[in-house]
Amino acid sequence: MSEPATTSRPLAPEGFIADCRARLGFDLLARTWTAVVIFGLREGPRRPGELREAIGGISPKVLNDTLRRLEDDGLVERRRYAEAPPRVEYALTPLGETLLGPVEALGAWSMEYGDAVVEAQERAEERAEERAEERAERGRAQ
């Protein structure tokens, strides 16, 4: 009998404990707009309005909060120009550029498997509706 095939994956030295470096990356990309903003800045500096237009569906406040958080994380830099009116641009730092590979890989995975995930979510929603109907019927029968 042959042994099962395994893939070689780097493991966190201590497992997934609270201060594990792998968890830092997972938490960073789990934030709602992080990957989208990083991807939106992939071609170079952008003004907030340009970035909002490229992203779509993000409010000015949420974009501003996301950019500030990414700036605090060292992934984005804010450039302010002494002009009238003042002009501000945001760009990826060299550290931020290192996230483009993982973000692009996640995007490629989403393109390939997104339909399957949506179908599974729809099936789950149908099951939840069926359970709710069954509970309602039991409630009426009592």
C-alpha atoms as a PDB file:
ATOM      1  CA  MET A   1       0.000   0.000   0.000  1.00  0.00           C
ATOM      2  CA  SER A   2       1.450   3.368  -0.989  1.00  0.00           C
ATOM      3  CA  GLU A   3       1.573   6.340   1.316  1.00  0.00           C
ATOM      4  CA  PRO A   4      -0.827   9.214   0.649  1.00  0.00           C
ATOM      5  CA  ALA A   5       0.583  12.079  -1.344  1.00  0.00           C
ATOM      6  CA  THR A   6       1.365  15.140   0.703  1.00  0.00           C
ATOM      7  CA  THR A   7       2.156  18.644  -0.287  1.00  0.00           C
ATOM      8  CA  SER A   8       5.032  20.447   1.265  1.00  0.00           C
ATOM      9  CA  ARG A   9       3.733  23.521   3.055  1.00  0.00           C
ATOM     10  CA  PRO A  10       5.617  25.762   5.414  1.00  0.00           C
ATOM     11  CA  LEU A  11       4.199  25.427   8.896  1.00  0.00           C
ATOM     12  CA  ALA A  12       4.230  27.998  11.616  1.00  0.00           C
ATOM     13  CA  PRO A  13       6.896  26.983  14.146  1.00  0.00           C
ATOM     14  CA  GLU A  14       4.466  26.925  17.060  1.00  0.00           C
ATOM     15  CA  GLY A  15       1.244  26.180  15.178  1.00  0.00           C
ATOM     16  CA  PHE A  16      -1.323  28.914  14.757  1.00  0.00           C
ATOM     17  CA  ILE A  17      -0.966  30.715  18.046  1.00  0.00           C
ATOM     18  CA  ALA A  18      -2.027  34.300  18.598  1.00  0.00           C
ATOM     19  CA  ASP A  19       1.352  35.888  17.883  1.00  0.00           C
ATOM     20  CA  CYS A  20       2.274  33.683  14.906  1.00  0.00           C
ATOM     21  CA  ARG A  21       3.636  35.620  11.894  1.00  0.00           C
ATOM     22  CA  ALA A  22       1.416  33.611   9.519  1.00  0.00           C
ATOM     23  CA  ARG A  23      -1.652  34.801  11.411  1.00  0.00           C
ATOM     24  CA  LEU A  24      -0.511  38.396  10.898  1.00  0.00           C
ATOM     25  CA  GLY A  25      -0.668  37.907   7.126  1.00  0.00           C
ATOM     26  CA  PHE A  26      -4.030  36.139   7.285  1.00  0.00           C
ATOM     27  CA  ASP A  27      -5.498  38.887   9.466  1.00  0.00           C
ATOM     28  CA  LEU A  28      -4.117  41.562   7.160  1.00  0.00           C
ATOM     29  CA  LEU A  29      -5.715  40.081   4.046  1.00  0.00           C
ATOM     30  CA  ALA A  30      -8.947  39.244   5.888  1.00  0.00           C
ATOM     31  CA  ARG A  31      -9.737  42.944   6.240  1.00  0.00           C
ATOM     32  CA  THR A  32     -12.512  43.761   3.801  1.00  0.00           C
ATOM     33  CA  TRP A  33     -10.795  46.284   1.499  1.00  0.00           C
ATOM     34  CA  THR A  34      -7.080  45.581   2.015  1.00  0.00           C
ATOM     35  CA  ALA A  35      -6.492  43.315  -0.985  1.00  0.00           C
ATOM     36  CA  VAL A  36      -8.691  45.458  -3.247  1.00  0.00           C
ATOM     37  CA  VAL A  37      -6.819  48.672  -2.378  1.00  0.00           C
ATOM     38  CA  ILE A  38      -3.426  46.965  -2.736  1.00  0.00           C
ATOM     39  CA  PHE A  39      -4.496  45.690  -6.159  1.00  0.00           C
ATOM     40  CA  GLY A  40      -5.840  49.141  -7.072  1.00  0.00           C
ATOM     41  CA  LEU A  41      -2.411  50.666  -6.421  1.00  0.00           C
ATOM     42  CA  ARG A  42      -0.496  48.034  -8.410  1.00  0.00           C
ATOM     43  CA  GLU A  43       0.125  50.322 -11.401  1.00  0.00           C
ATOM     44  CA  GLY A  44       1.466  53.238  -9.410  1.00  0.00           C
ATOM     45  CA  PRO A  45       0.416  56.213  -7.296  1.00  0.00           C
ATOM     46  CA  ARG A  46      -3.194  57.335  -7.360  1.00  0.00           C
ATOM     47  CA  ARG A  47      -5.224  60.124  -5.893  1.00  0.00           C
ATOM     48  CA  PRO A  48      -8.053  58.985  -3.594  1.00  0.00           C
ATOM     49  CA  GLY A  49     -10.759  59.905  -6.135  1.00  0.00           C
ATOM     50  CA  GLU A  50      -9.013  57.937  -8.882  1.00  0.00           C
ATOM     51  CA  LEU A  51      -8.617  54.973  -6.591  1.00  0.00           C
ATOM     52  CA  ARG A  52     -12.281  55.085  -5.540  1.00  0.00           C
ATOM     53  CA  GLU A  53     -13.330  55.195  -9.180  1.00  0.00           C
ATOM     54  CA  ALA A  54     -11.075  52.246 -10.059  1.00  0.00           C
ATOM     55  CA  ILE A  55     -12.325  50.181  -7.115  1.00  0.00           C
ATOM     56  CA  GLY A  56     -16.024  51.019  -7.187  1.00  0.00           C
ATOM     57  CA  GLY A  57     -18.397  50.421  -4.294  1.00  0.00           C
ATOM     58  CA  ILE A  58     -16.205  51.942  -1.583  1.00  0.00           C
ATOM     59  CA  SER A  59     -17.173  55.092   0.281  1.00  0.00           C
ATOM     60  CA  PRO A  60     -14.690  57.941   0.732  1.00  0.00           C
ATOM     61  CA  LYS A  61     -14.611  57.318   4.497  1.00  0.00           C
ATOM     62  CA  VAL A  62     -13.936  53.589   4.171  1.00  0.00           C
ATOM     63  CA  LEU A  63     -11.238  54.222   1.549  1.00  0.00           C
ATOM     64  CA  ASN A  64      -9.610  56.834   3.772  1.00  0.00           C
ATOM     65  CA  ASP A  65      -9.707  54.508   6.802  1.00  0.00           C
ATOM     66  CA  THR A  66      -8.260  51.652   4.739  1.00  0.00           C
ATOM     67  CA  LEU A  67      -5.468  53.816   3.314  1.00  0.00           C
ATOM     68  CA  ARG A  68      -4.548  55.097   6.781  1.00  0.00           C
ATOM     69  CA  ARG A  69      -4.485  51.555   8.177  1.00  0.00           C
ATOM     70  CA  LEU A  70      -2.305  50.381   5.271  1.00  0.00           C
ATOM     71  CA  GLU A  71      -0.047  53.366   5.832  1.00  0.00           C
ATOM     72  CA  ASP A  72       0.244  52.419   9.521  1.00  0.00           C
ATOM     73  CA  ASP A  73       1.112  48.862   8.435  1.00  0.00           C
ATOM     74  CA  GLY A  74       3.926  50.194   6.221  1.00  0.00           C
ATOM     75  CA  LEU A  75       2.270  48.960   3.018  1.00  0.00           C
ATOM     76  CA  VAL A  76       1.183  52.296   1.534  1.00  0.00           C
ATOM     77  CA  GLU A  77       2.777  55.733   1.579  1.00  0.00           C
ATOM     78  CA  ARG A  78       0.951  59.030   1.409  1.00  0.00           C
ATOM     79  CA  ARG A  79       2.488  61.783  -0.673  1.00  0.00           C
ATOM     80  CA  ARG A  80       1.271  65.310  -0.123  1.00  0.00           C
ATOM     81  CA  TYR A  81       2.124  67.959  -2.680  1.00  0.00           C
ATOM     82  CA  ALA A  82       2.373  71.634  -1.716  1.00  0.00           C
ATOM     83  CA  GLU A  83      -0.036  72.887  -4.334  1.00  0.00           C
ATOM     84  CA  ALA A  84      -3.197  74.924  -4.262  1.00  0.00           C
ATOM     85  CA  PRO A  85      -5.459  73.107  -3.756  1.00  0.00           C
ATOM     86  CA  PRO A  86      -3.385  70.500  -1.926  1.00  0.00           C
ATOM     87  CA  ARG A  87      -2.932  67.229  -3.789  1.00  0.00           C
ATOM     88  CA  VAL A  88      -2.486  63.835  -2.133  1.00  0.00           C
ATOM     89  CA  GLU A  89      -1.477  60.555  -3.734  1.00  0.00           C
ATOM     90  CA  TYR A  90      -1.079  57.082  -2.326  1.00  0.00           C
ATOM     91  CA  ALA A  91       1.382  54.475  -3.535  1.00  0.00           C
ATOM     92  CA  LEU A  92       2.543  51.043  -2.480  1.00  0.00           C
ATOM     93  CA  THR A  93       5.759  50.927  -0.527  1.00  0.00           C
ATOM     94  CA  PRO A  94       8.331  48.270  -1.438  1.00  0.00           C
ATOM     95  CA  LEU A  95       6.822  46.180   1.396  1.00  0.00           C
ATOM     96  CA  GLY A  96       3.322  46.715  -0.032  1.00  0.00           C
ATOM     97  CA  GLU A  97       4.520  45.597  -3.465  1.00  0.00           C
ATOM     98  CA  THR A  98       5.507  42.242  -1.953  1.00  0.00           C
ATOM     99  CA  LEU A  99       1.794  41.588  -1.318  1.00  0.00           C
ATOM    100  CA  LEU A 100       0.916  41.827  -5.017  1.00  0.00           C
ATOM    101  CA  GLY A 101       1.882  38.184  -5.620  1.00  0.00           C
ATOM    102  CA  PRO A 102      -0.412  36.764  -2.910  1.00  0.00           C
ATOM    103  CA  VAL A 103      -3.230  39.156  -3.843  1.00  0.00           C
ATOM    104  CA  GLU A 104      -2.960  38.220  -7.521  1.00  0.00           C
ATOM    105  CA  ALA A 105      -2.884  34.508  -6.586  1.00  0.00           C
ATOM    106  CA  LEU A 106      -6.043  34.958  -4.512  1.00  0.00           C
ATOM    107  CA  GLY A 107      -7.655  36.791  -7.427  1.00  0.00           C
ATOM    108  CA  ALA A 108      -6.746  33.962  -9.814  1.00  0.00           C
ATOM    109  CA  TRP A 109      -8.175  31.409  -7.372  1.00  0.00           C
ATOM    110  CA  SER A 110     -11.364  33.478  -7.118  1.00  0.00           C
ATOM    111  CA  MET A 111     -11.728  33.615 -10.893  1.00  0.00           C
ATOM    112  CA  GLU A 112     -11.290  29.849 -11.171  1.00  0.00           C
ATOM    113  CA  TYR A 113     -13.385  28.735  -8.192  1.00  0.00           C
ATOM    114  CA  GLY A 114     -15.682  31.688  -7.481  1.00  0.00           C
ATOM    115  CA  ASP A 115     -18.682  30.151  -9.239  1.00  0.00           C
ATOM    116  CA  ALA A 116     -18.366  26.990  -7.134  1.00  0.00           C
ATOM    117  CA  VAL A 117     -18.276  29.058  -3.934  1.00  0.00           C
ATOM    118  CA  VAL A 118     -21.330  31.088  -4.996  1.00  0.00           C
ATOM    119  CA  GLU A 119     -23.220  27.879  -5.837  1.00  0.00           C
ATOM    120  CA  ALA A 120     -22.374  26.419  -2.431  1.00  0.00           C
ATOM    121  CA  GLN A 121     -23.543  29.628  -0.732  1.00  0.00           C
ATOM    122  CA  GLU A 122     -26.818  29.511  -2.677  1.00  0.00           C
ATOM    123  CA  ARG A 123     -27.372  25.874  -1.640  1.00  0.00           C
ATOM    124  CA  ALA A 124     -26.703  26.811   1.977  1.00  0.00           C
ATOM    125  CA  GLU A 125     -29.211  29.665   1.741  1.00  0.00           C
ATOM    126  CA  GLU A 126     -31.827  27.286   0.282  1.00  0.00           C
ATOM    127  CA  ARG A 127     -31.232  24.811   3.140  1.00  0.00           C
ATOM    128  CA  ALA A 128     -31.602  27.622   5.688  1.00  0.00           C
ATOM    129  CA  GLU A 129     -34.895  28.700   4.083  1.00  0.00           C
ATOM    130  CA  GLU A 130     -36.153  25.085   4.111  1.00  0.00           C
ATOM    131  CA  ARG A 131     -35.291  24.751   7.816  1.00  0.00           C
ATOM    132  CA  ALA A 132     -37.070  28.028   8.575  1.00  0.00           C
ATOM    133  CA  GLU A 133     -40.178  26.801   6.715  1.00  0.00           C
ATOM    134  CA  GLU A 134     -40.087  23.491   8.615  1.00  0.00           C
ATOM    135  CA  ARG A 135     -39.864  25.336  11.952  1.00  0.00           C
ATOM    136  CA  ALA A 136     -42.771  27.577  10.948  1.00  0.00           C
ATOM    137  CA  GLU A 137     -44.870  24.541   9.991  1.00  0.00           C
ATOM    138  CA  ARG A 138     -44.087  22.841  13.306  1.00  0.00           C
ATOM    139  CA  GLY A 139     -45.037  26.028  15.116  1.00  0.00           C
ATOM    140  CA  ARG A 140     -48.382  26.208  13.308  1.00  0.00           C
ATOM    141  CA  ALA A 141     -49.075  22.508  13.994  1.00  0.00           C
ATOM    142  CA  GLN A 142     -48.705  22.974  17.753  1.00  0.00           C
END
